[in-house]
Amino acid sequence: MKALLSATTLLILLLFSGCQSNGASHRQRPLIGISCSHPNDYSSARTTYTESVIQAGGTPMLIPVTTDSTVLTDIVSRLDAIILIGGADIHPSYYNEEPIEQLGEVDSLRDVYDIALIRLAAQRNIPMLGICRGEQLINVAFGGTLYQDIPAQHPDTTVRHNQEEPSSVPTHTVHLLQGSAIAQITGQTELFTNTHHHQAVKQAAPGFRITAWAADSIPEAIENINGKPIWGVQFHPEALTMAGDSISARFFHFLIDKAAASRRGK
């Protein structure tokens, strides 16, 4: 009986020790905040975002949609990096324009929430990656402008920017600026990628430069040139990553590396 109890006790201790070890290991993974949309009063994000972060070695945490500045400040202070996801149009009042007829659905709550996240992260020098709407928001938050509707406001219509195919299917080419962050991340001079948008960066914000373009000259990536760890892409690397594209996965490995460095610097 004593032998049985001793073995049982040993097993429990080993399991407990393993749990503690695993917990410590998980705590060492960079914590990546992911902004949310809020359909039907849910704070949610597609699993392509969270799984891309997990595969790259990070721990994803969804940031609930709220305008409570105290809560957002507390959350952001704990993060090692942030991903801003896609979604609805941004209200043009944020870049001092009146809405045009072709403007799509806007989400005033998300506009306030997302811009607050961007500013809080920038103040703390937390690495930030904007994807689709996320890239557009970064540009607007720092003083840039957007095409409210590409077909209505851009003369070249040779590229269809809102593809009918799933996000897992690449449909058009993006040309990368040599020496830019996006070129260094991917190791490429051009990408074959997906596209699901009708808005885009028009004039880059002060302190940023455009580093990738579609064949019709629509901007496809921006990066900060003043030393802040902020990048944005118009396409959806998370969808291609989950479809097995190793080049798209490099965006998330890059962000995790930056997040790990940010954590070490805290």
C-alpha atoms as a PDB file:
ATOM      1  CA  MET A   1       0.000   0.000   0.000  1.00  0.00           C
ATOM      2  CA  LYS A   2       2.859   2.360   0.910  1.00  0.00           C
ATOM      3  CA  ALA A   3       4.565   1.557  -2.391  1.00  0.00           C
ATOM      4  CA  LEU A   4       1.363   2.311  -4.264  1.00  0.00           C
ATOM      5  CA  LEU A   5       0.900   5.587  -2.408  1.00  0.00           C
ATOM      6  CA  SER A   6       4.522   6.540  -3.034  1.00  0.00           C
ATOM      7  CA  ALA A   7       4.206   5.854  -6.759  1.00  0.00           C
ATOM      8  CA  THR A   8       0.958   7.797  -6.942  1.00  0.00           C
ATOM      9  CA  THR A   9       2.471  10.691  -5.041  1.00  0.00           C
ATOM     10  CA  LEU A  10       5.493  10.673  -7.341  1.00  0.00           C
ATOM     11  CA  LEU A  11       3.277  10.692 -10.436  1.00  0.00           C
ATOM     12  CA  ILE A  12       1.272  13.643  -9.094  1.00  0.00           C
ATOM     13  CA  LEU A  13       4.470  15.537  -8.318  1.00  0.00           C
ATOM     14  CA  LEU A  14       5.848  14.861 -11.788  1.00  0.00           C
ATOM     15  CA  LEU A  15       2.634  15.995 -13.436  1.00  0.00           C
ATOM     16  CA  PHE A  16       2.542  19.119 -11.304  1.00  0.00           C
ATOM     17  CA  SER A  17       6.182  19.826 -12.110  1.00  0.00           C
ATOM     18  CA  GLY A  18       5.454  19.357 -15.811  1.00  0.00           C
ATOM     19  CA  CYS A  19       2.526  21.746 -15.642  1.00  0.00           C
ATOM     20  CA  GLN A  20       4.700  24.352 -13.954  1.00  0.00           C
ATOM     21  CA  SER A  21       7.424  23.870 -16.538  1.00  0.00           C
ATOM     22  CA  ASN A  22       4.963  24.111 -19.415  1.00  0.00           C
ATOM     23  CA  GLY A  23       3.409  27.199 -17.875  1.00  0.00           C
ATOM     24  CA  ALA A  24       6.801  28.883 -17.611  1.00  0.00           C
ATOM     25  CA  SER A  25       7.540  27.956 -21.212  1.00  0.00           C
ATOM     26  CA  HIS A  26       4.241  29.432 -22.393  1.00  0.00           C
ATOM     27  CA  ARG A  27       4.854  32.604 -20.426  1.00  0.00           C
ATOM     28  CA  GLN A  28       8.115  33.037 -22.327  1.00  0.00           C
ATOM     29  CA  ARG A  29       6.297  33.072 -25.660  1.00  0.00           C
ATOM     30  CA  PRO A  30       5.681  36.650 -26.809  1.00  0.00           C
ATOM     31  CA  LEU A  31       2.143  37.827 -26.104  1.00  0.00           C
ATOM     32  CA  ILE A  32       0.568  39.128 -29.312  1.00  0.00           C
ATOM     33  CA  GLY A  33      -2.582  41.206 -29.034  1.00  0.00           C
ATOM     34  CA  ILE A  34      -5.034  40.844 -31.917  1.00  0.00           C
ATOM     35  CA  SER A  35      -7.669  43.497 -32.471  1.00  0.00           C
ATOM     36  CA  CYS A  36     -11.254  42.331 -32.936  1.00  0.00           C
ATOM     37  CA  SER A  37     -14.310  43.036 -35.000  1.00  0.00           C
ATOM     38  CA  HIS A  38     -17.677  42.926 -33.260  1.00  0.00           C
ATOM     39  CA  PRO A  39     -20.376  41.294 -35.381  1.00  0.00           C
ATOM     40  CA  ASN A  40     -23.605  40.720 -33.449  1.00  0.00           C
ATOM     41  CA  ASP A  41     -22.030  42.174 -30.280  1.00  0.00           C
ATOM     42  CA  TYR A  42     -19.180  39.630 -30.243  1.00  0.00           C
ATOM     43  CA  SER A  43     -15.508  40.579 -29.980  1.00  0.00           C
ATOM     44  CA  SER A  44     -14.003  38.179 -32.491  1.00  0.00           C
ATOM     45  CA  ALA A  45     -11.233  37.500 -34.996  1.00  0.00           C
ATOM     46  CA  ARG A  46     -10.778  34.771 -37.574  1.00  0.00           C
ATOM     47  CA  THR A  47      -8.743  31.786 -36.454  1.00  0.00           C
ATOM     48  CA  THR A  48      -6.369  32.384 -39.378  1.00  0.00           C
ATOM     49  CA  TYR A  49      -4.920  35.280 -37.339  1.00  0.00           C
ATOM     50  CA  THR A  50      -4.600  33.387 -34.077  1.00  0.00           C
ATOM     51  CA  GLU A  51      -3.261  30.192 -35.677  1.00  0.00           C
ATOM     52  CA  SER A  52      -0.680  32.127 -37.704  1.00  0.00           C
ATOM     53  CA  VAL A  53       0.615  33.644 -34.461  1.00  0.00           C
ATOM     54  CA  ILE A  54       0.668  30.265 -32.702  1.00  0.00           C
ATOM     55  CA  GLN A  55       2.536  28.592 -35.564  1.00  0.00           C
ATOM     56  CA  ALA A  56       5.133  31.386 -35.486  1.00  0.00           C
ATOM     57  CA  GLY A  57       5.787  30.860 -31.789  1.00  0.00           C
ATOM     58  CA  GLY A  58       3.623  33.528 -30.176  1.00  0.00           C
ATOM     59  CA  THR A  59       0.683  33.448 -27.806  1.00  0.00           C
ATOM     60  CA  PRO A  60      -2.328  35.299 -29.281  1.00  0.00           C
ATOM     61  CA  MET A  61      -4.682  37.326 -27.108  1.00  0.00           C
ATOM     62  CA  LEU A  62      -7.853  38.858 -28.502  1.00  0.00           C
ATOM     63  CA  ILE A  63      -8.326  42.481 -27.438  1.00  0.00           C
ATOM     64  CA  PRO A  64     -12.049  43.056 -26.731  1.00  0.00           C
ATOM     65  CA  VAL A  65     -13.770  45.879 -28.565  1.00  0.00           C
ATOM     66  CA  THR A  66     -14.188  48.667 -26.020  1.00  0.00           C
ATOM     67  CA  THR A  67     -13.647  52.400 -25.775  1.00  0.00           C
ATOM     68  CA  ASP A  68     -12.696  52.186 -22.098  1.00  0.00           C
ATOM     69  CA  SER A  69      -9.264  53.836 -22.199  1.00  0.00           C
ATOM     70  CA  THR A  70      -8.235  52.469 -18.801  1.00  0.00           C
ATOM     71  CA  VAL A  71      -8.908  48.890 -19.893  1.00  0.00           C
ATOM     72  CA  LEU A  72      -7.169  49.309 -23.255  1.00  0.00           C
ATOM     73  CA  THR A  73      -4.161  50.940 -21.599  1.00  0.00           C
ATOM     74  CA  ASP A  74      -3.898  48.050 -19.136  1.00  0.00           C
ATOM     75  CA  ILE A  75      -4.129  45.435 -21.897  1.00  0.00           C
ATOM     76  CA  VAL A  76      -1.632  47.125 -24.222  1.00  0.00           C
ATOM     77  CA  SER A  77       0.881  47.548 -21.380  1.00  0.00           C
ATOM     78  CA  ARG A  78       1.039  43.737 -21.078  1.00  0.00           C
ATOM     79  CA  LEU A  79       1.545  43.016 -24.788  1.00  0.00           C
ATOM     80  CA  ASP A  80       4.735  42.394 -26.751  1.00  0.00           C
ATOM     81  CA  ALA A  81       3.209  43.183 -30.180  1.00  0.00           C
ATOM     82  CA  ILE A  82      -0.139  43.942 -31.818  1.00  0.00           C
ATOM     83  CA  ILE A  83      -1.858  42.817 -35.017  1.00  0.00           C
ATOM     84  CA  LEU A  84      -4.645  45.020 -36.371  1.00  0.00           C
ATOM     85  CA  ILE A  85      -7.050  42.963 -38.467  1.00  0.00           C
ATOM     86  CA  GLY A  86      -9.308  43.657 -41.438  1.00  0.00           C
ATOM     87  CA  GLY A  87     -12.886  44.863 -41.413  1.00  0.00           C
ATOM     88  CA  ALA A  88     -15.243  47.677 -42.396  1.00  0.00           C
ATOM     89  CA  ASP A  89     -14.412  51.020 -44.014  1.00  0.00           C
ATOM     90  CA  ILE A  90     -12.894  53.837 -41.971  1.00  0.00           C
ATOM     91  CA  HIS A  91     -14.948  57.011 -41.700  1.00  0.00           C
ATOM     92  CA  PRO A  92     -13.312  59.678 -43.919  1.00  0.00           C
ATOM     93  CA  SER A  93     -13.733  62.346 -41.241  1.00  0.00           C
ATOM     94  CA  TYR A  94     -10.555  60.885 -39.727  1.00  0.00           C
ATOM     95  CA  TYR A  95      -8.624  62.201 -42.738  1.00  0.00           C
ATOM     96  CA  ASN A  96     -10.687  65.388 -43.190  1.00  0.00           C
ATOM     97  CA  GLU A  97     -12.841  64.279 -46.109  1.00  0.00           C
ATOM     98  CA  GLU A  98     -16.568  64.060 -46.690  1.00  0.00           C
ATOM     99  CA  PRO A  99     -17.993  60.607 -47.495  1.00  0.00           C
ATOM    100  CA  ILE A 100     -18.511  59.828 -51.173  1.00  0.00           C
ATOM    101  CA  GLU A 101     -21.440  57.785 -52.444  1.00  0.00           C
ATOM    102  CA  GLN A 102     -19.307  54.650 -52.909  1.00  0.00           C
ATOM    103  CA  LEU A 103     -18.132  54.567 -49.283  1.00  0.00           C
ATOM    104  CA  GLY A 104     -19.012  51.209 -47.748  1.00  0.00           C
ATOM    105  CA  GLU A 105     -20.257  50.351 -44.270  1.00  0.00           C
ATOM    106  CA  VAL A 106     -18.345  52.110 -41.501  1.00  0.00           C
ATOM    107  CA  ASP A 107     -18.007  51.095 -37.861  1.00  0.00           C
ATOM    108  CA  SER A 108     -17.657  54.119 -35.592  1.00  0.00           C
ATOM    109  CA  LEU A 109     -16.995  52.045 -32.473  1.00  0.00           C
ATOM    110  CA  ARG A 110     -14.184  50.125 -34.135  1.00  0.00           C
ATOM    111  CA  ASP A 111     -12.677  53.330 -35.521  1.00  0.00           C
ATOM    112  CA  VAL A 112     -12.346  54.770 -32.005  1.00  0.00           C
ATOM    113  CA  TYR A 113     -11.155  51.457 -30.541  1.00  0.00           C
ATOM    114  CA  ASP A 114      -8.579  50.703 -33.242  1.00  0.00           C
ATOM    115  CA  ILE A 115      -7.103  54.195 -33.326  1.00  0.00           C
ATOM    116  CA  ALA A 116      -6.792  54.110 -29.528  1.00  0.00           C
ATOM    117  CA  LEU A 117      -4.881  50.814 -29.790  1.00  0.00           C
ATOM    118  CA  ILE A 118      -2.549  52.262 -32.416  1.00  0.00           C
ATOM    119  CA  ARG A 119      -1.756  55.323 -30.339  1.00  0.00           C
ATOM    120  CA  LEU A 120      -1.245  53.351 -27.135  1.00  0.00           C
ATOM    121  CA  ALA A 121       1.082  50.893 -28.886  1.00  0.00           C
ATOM    122  CA  ALA A 122       3.031  53.677 -30.610  1.00  0.00           C
ATOM    123  CA  GLN A 123       3.531  55.516 -27.317  1.00  0.00           C
ATOM    124  CA  ARG A 124       5.074  52.362 -25.844  1.00  0.00           C
ATOM    125  CA  ASN A 125       7.055  51.478 -28.984  1.00  0.00           C
ATOM    126  CA  ILE A 126       5.283  48.109 -29.199  1.00  0.00           C
ATOM    127  CA  PRO A 127       5.736  46.365 -32.586  1.00  0.00           C
ATOM    128  CA  MET A 128       2.602  46.653 -34.683  1.00  0.00           C
ATOM    129  CA  LEU A 129       1.459  44.947 -37.897  1.00  0.00           C
ATOM    130  CA  GLY A 130      -1.631  46.211 -39.704  1.00  0.00           C
ATOM    131  CA  ILE A 131      -3.425  43.924 -42.134  1.00  0.00           C
ATOM    132  CA  CYS A 132      -5.880  45.307 -44.736  1.00  0.00           C
ATOM    133  CA  ARG A 133      -8.087  47.724 -42.710  1.00  0.00           C
ATOM    134  CA  GLY A 134      -5.334  47.590 -40.079  1.00  0.00           C
ATOM    135  CA  GLU A 135      -2.808  49.040 -42.531  1.00  0.00           C
ATOM    136  CA  GLN A 136      -5.280  51.730 -43.591  1.00  0.00           C
ATOM    137  CA  LEU A 137      -5.955  52.624 -39.940  1.00  0.00           C
ATOM    138  CA  ILE A 138      -2.256  53.001 -39.181  1.00  0.00           C
ATOM    139  CA  ASN A 139      -1.929  55.353 -42.120  1.00  0.00           C
ATOM    140  CA  VAL A 140      -4.947  57.418 -41.066  1.00  0.00           C
ATOM    141  CA  ALA A 141      -3.956  57.496 -37.382  1.00  0.00           C
ATOM    142  CA  PHE A 142      -0.644  59.134 -38.284  1.00  0.00           C
ATOM    143  CA  GLY A 143      -2.097  61.669 -40.728  1.00  0.00           C
ATOM    144  CA  GLY A 144      -2.338  59.854 -44.071  1.00  0.00           C
ATOM    145  CA  THR A 145      -5.290  59.595 -46.464  1.00  0.00           C
ATOM    146  CA  LEU A 146      -7.199  56.825 -48.237  1.00  0.00           C
ATOM    147  CA  TYR A 147      -8.966  56.100 -51.462  1.00  0.00           C
ATOM    148  CA  GLN A 148     -12.534  55.843 -50.186  1.00  0.00           C
ATOM    149  CA  ASP A 149     -13.314  53.634 -53.189  1.00  0.00           C
ATOM    150  CA  ILE A 150     -10.651  52.514 -55.654  1.00  0.00           C
ATOM    151  CA  PRO A 151     -12.941  52.040 -58.694  1.00  0.00           C
ATOM    152  CA  ALA A 152     -14.447  55.517 -58.213  1.00  0.00           C
ATOM    153  CA  GLN A 153     -11.246  57.406 -57.386  1.00  0.00           C
ATOM    154  CA  HIS A 154      -8.380  55.622 -59.144  1.00  0.00           C
ATOM    155  CA  PRO A 155      -8.149  55.870 -62.935  1.00  0.00           C
ATOM    156  CA  ASP A 156      -6.449  52.504 -63.546  1.00  0.00           C
ATOM    157  CA  THR A 157      -8.919  49.636 -63.169  1.00  0.00           C
ATOM    158  CA  THR A 158      -6.721  46.815 -64.524  1.00  0.00           C
ATOM    159  CA  VAL A 159      -6.433  45.079 -61.138  1.00  0.00           C
ATOM    160  CA  ARG A 160      -9.487  43.676 -59.410  1.00  0.00           C
ATOM    161  CA  HIS A 161      -8.849  44.388 -55.744  1.00  0.00           C
ATOM    162  CA  ASN A 162     -11.894  42.631 -54.300  1.00  0.00           C
ATOM    163  CA  GLN A 163     -11.452  39.079 -55.531  1.00  0.00           C
ATOM    164  CA  GLU A 164     -14.286  36.561 -55.621  1.00  0.00           C
ATOM    165  CA  GLU A 165     -11.940  33.665 -54.803  1.00  0.00           C
ATOM    166  CA  PRO A 166     -11.324  32.686 -51.159  1.00  0.00           C
ATOM    167  CA  SER A 167      -8.535  34.456 -49.248  1.00  0.00           C
ATOM    168  CA  SER A 168      -6.476  31.276 -49.443  1.00  0.00           C
ATOM    169  CA  VAL A 169      -6.111  31.817 -53.216  1.00  0.00           C
ATOM    170  CA  PRO A 170      -3.592  34.401 -54.503  1.00  0.00           C
ATOM    171  CA  THR A 171      -4.835  36.383 -57.506  1.00  0.00           C
ATOM    172  CA  HIS A 172      -2.495  39.292 -58.229  1.00  0.00           C
ATOM    173  CA  THR A 173       1.118  40.435 -58.105  1.00  0.00           C
ATOM    174  CA  VAL A 174       2.614  42.960 -55.692  1.00  0.00           C
ATOM    175  CA  HIS A 175       5.941  44.627 -56.469  1.00  0.00           C
ATOM    176  CA  LEU A 176       8.226  45.325 -53.495  1.00  0.00           C
ATOM    177  CA  LEU A 177      10.599  48.236 -52.908  1.00  0.00           C
ATOM    178  CA  GLN A 178      14.178  46.979 -52.827  1.00  0.00           C
ATOM    179  CA  GLY A 179      15.715  47.277 -49.365  1.00  0.00           C
ATOM    180  CA  SER A 180      12.344  47.779 -47.661  1.00  0.00           C
ATOM    181  CA  ALA A 181      11.173  45.847 -44.616  1.00  0.00           C
ATOM    182  CA  ILE A 182       8.685  43.845 -46.681  1.00  0.00           C
ATOM    183  CA  ALA A 183      11.435  42.838 -49.134  1.00  0.00           C
ATOM    184  CA  GLN A 184      13.707  41.804 -46.268  1.00  0.00           C
ATOM    185  CA  ILE A 185      10.921  39.898 -44.471  1.00  0.00           C
ATOM    186  CA  THR A 186       9.925  37.886 -47.525  1.00  0.00           C
ATOM    187  CA  GLY A 187      13.261  37.709 -49.345  1.00  0.00           C
ATOM    188  CA  GLN A 188      11.353  38.516 -52.536  1.00  0.00           C
ATOM    189  CA  THR A 189      11.111  41.304 -55.117  1.00  0.00           C
ATOM    190  CA  GLU A 190       7.456  40.550 -55.811  1.00  0.00           C
ATOM    191  CA  LEU A 191       4.651  38.567 -54.217  1.00  0.00           C
ATOM    192  CA  PHE A 192       1.665  36.749 -55.658  1.00  0.00           C
ATOM    193  CA  THR A 193      -1.026  37.415 -53.113  1.00  0.00           C
ATOM    194  CA  ASN A 194      -4.719  37.816 -52.332  1.00  0.00           C
ATOM    195  CA  THR A 195      -6.855  40.944 -52.308  1.00  0.00           C
ATOM    196  CA  HIS A 196     -10.108  41.791 -50.499  1.00  0.00           C
ATOM    197  CA  HIS A 197     -10.554  45.560 -50.359  1.00  0.00           C
ATOM    198  CA  HIS A 198     -12.014  48.553 -52.129  1.00  0.00           C
ATOM    199  CA  GLN A 199     -10.186  51.163 -50.028  1.00  0.00           C
ATOM    200  CA  ALA A 200      -6.420  51.701 -49.927  1.00  0.00           C
ATOM    201  CA  VAL A 201      -3.679  54.046 -48.808  1.00  0.00           C
ATOM    202  CA  LYS A 202      -3.620  57.165 -50.976  1.00  0.00           C
ATOM    203  CA  GLN A 203      -1.085  59.532 -49.415  1.00  0.00           C
ATOM    204  CA  ALA A 204       1.299  58.001 -46.895  1.00  0.00           C
ATOM    205  CA  ALA A 205       1.278  59.525 -43.423  1.00  0.00           C
ATOM    206  CA  PRO A 206       4.239  61.681 -42.340  1.00  0.00           C
ATOM    207  CA  GLY A 207       6.976  59.384 -41.071  1.00  0.00           C
ATOM    208  CA  PHE A 208       5.879  56.513 -43.326  1.00  0.00           C
ATOM    209  CA  ARG A 209       6.702  55.362 -46.832  1.00  0.00           C
ATOM    210  CA  ILE A 210       4.921  53.127 -49.300  1.00  0.00           C
ATOM    211  CA  THR A 211       6.997  50.004 -49.937  1.00  0.00           C
ATOM    212  CA  ALA A 212       4.876  47.833 -52.239  1.00  0.00           C
ATOM    213  CA  TRP A 213       2.446  48.425 -55.100  1.00  0.00           C
ATOM    214  CA  ALA A 214      -0.004  46.479 -57.230  1.00  0.00           C
ATOM    215  CA  ALA A 215       0.404  46.658 -61.004  1.00  0.00           C
ATOM    216  CA  ASP A 216      -2.097  49.544 -61.120  1.00  0.00           C
ATOM    217  CA  SER A 217       0.039  51.571 -58.622  1.00  0.00           C
ATOM    218  CA  ILE A 218      -2.293  51.023 -55.632  1.00  0.00           C
ATOM    219  CA  PRO A 219      -0.144  50.883 -52.460  1.00  0.00           C
ATOM    220  CA  GLU A 220       0.113  47.431 -50.882  1.00  0.00           C
ATOM    221  CA  ALA A 221       2.464  48.039 -47.919  1.00  0.00           C
ATOM    222  CA  ILE A 222       3.728  50.834 -45.691  1.00  0.00           C
ATOM    223  CA  GLU A 223       6.433  51.092 -43.037  1.00  0.00           C
ATOM    224  CA  ASN A 224       7.578  53.667 -40.537  1.00  0.00           C
ATOM    225  CA  ILE A 225      10.837  55.445 -41.417  1.00  0.00           C
ATOM    226  CA  ASN A 226      11.404  57.162 -38.062  1.00  0.00           C
ATOM    227  CA  GLY A 227      12.521  54.125 -36.101  1.00  0.00           C
ATOM    228  CA  LYS A 228       9.120  52.991 -34.838  1.00  0.00           C
ATOM    229  CA  PRO A 229       8.363  49.246 -35.267  1.00  0.00           C
ATOM    230  CA  ILE A 230       5.215  49.726 -37.362  1.00  0.00           C
ATOM    231  CA  TRP A 231       4.392  47.964 -40.624  1.00  0.00           C
ATOM    232  CA  GLY A 232       1.252  47.443 -42.685  1.00  0.00           C
ATOM    233  CA  VAL A 233       0.172  45.288 -45.627  1.00  0.00           C
ATOM    234  CA  GLN A 234      -2.985  45.599 -47.694  1.00  0.00           C
ATOM    235  CA  PHE A 235      -3.301  41.872 -48.424  1.00  0.00           C
ATOM    236  CA  HIS A 236      -3.998  38.987 -46.026  1.00  0.00           C
ATOM    237  CA  PRO A 237      -0.862  36.944 -45.209  1.00  0.00           C
ATOM    238  CA  GLU A 238      -2.696  35.109 -42.418  1.00  0.00           C
ATOM    239  CA  ALA A 239      -5.047  33.433 -44.894  1.00  0.00           C
ATOM    240  CA  LEU A 240      -2.191  32.370 -47.163  1.00  0.00           C
ATOM    241  CA  THR A 241      -0.144  31.196 -44.165  1.00  0.00           C
ATOM    242  CA  MET A 242      -2.927  28.845 -43.115  1.00  0.00           C
ATOM    243  CA  ALA A 243      -3.130  27.601 -46.707  1.00  0.00           C
ATOM    244  CA  GLY A 244       0.507  26.527 -46.430  1.00  0.00           C
ATOM    245  CA  ASP A 245       2.351  29.493 -47.944  1.00  0.00           C
ATOM    246  CA  SER A 246       5.731  29.613 -46.195  1.00  0.00           C
ATOM    247  CA  ILE A 247       6.580  33.092 -47.516  1.00  0.00           C
ATOM    248  CA  SER A 248       3.435  34.629 -46.001  1.00  0.00           C
ATOM    249  CA  ALA A 249       4.277  32.886 -42.715  1.00  0.00           C
ATOM    250  CA  ARG A 250       7.460  34.982 -42.570  1.00  0.00           C
ATOM    251  CA  PHE A 251       5.418  38.047 -41.632  1.00  0.00           C
ATOM    252  CA  PHE A 252       4.377  36.367 -38.401  1.00  0.00           C
ATOM    253  CA  HIS A 253       7.824  34.983 -37.622  1.00  0.00           C
ATOM    254  CA  PHE A 254       9.184  38.492 -38.179  1.00  0.00           C
ATOM    255  CA  LEU A 255       6.625  40.000 -35.805  1.00  0.00           C
ATOM    256  CA  ILE A 256       7.269  37.345 -33.147  1.00  0.00           C
ATOM    257  CA  ASP A 257      11.008  38.054 -33.347  1.00  0.00           C
ATOM    258  CA  LYS A 258      10.350  41.779 -32.907  1.00  0.00           C
ATOM    259  CA  ALA A 259       7.964  41.030 -30.039  1.00  0.00           C
ATOM    260  CA  ALA A 260      10.555  38.854 -28.307  1.00  0.00           C
ATOM    261  CA  ALA A 261      13.112  41.655 -28.586  1.00  0.00           C
ATOM    262  CA  SER A 262      10.535  44.114 -27.248  1.00  0.00           C
ATOM    263  CA  ARG A 263       9.871  41.835 -24.268  1.00  0.00           C
ATOM    264  CA  ARG A 264      13.605  41.547 -23.500  1.00  0.00           C
ATOM    265  CA  GLY A 265      13.864  45.329 -23.568  1.00  0.00           C
ATOM    266  CA  LYS A 266      11.122  45.866 -20.993  1.00  0.00           C
END
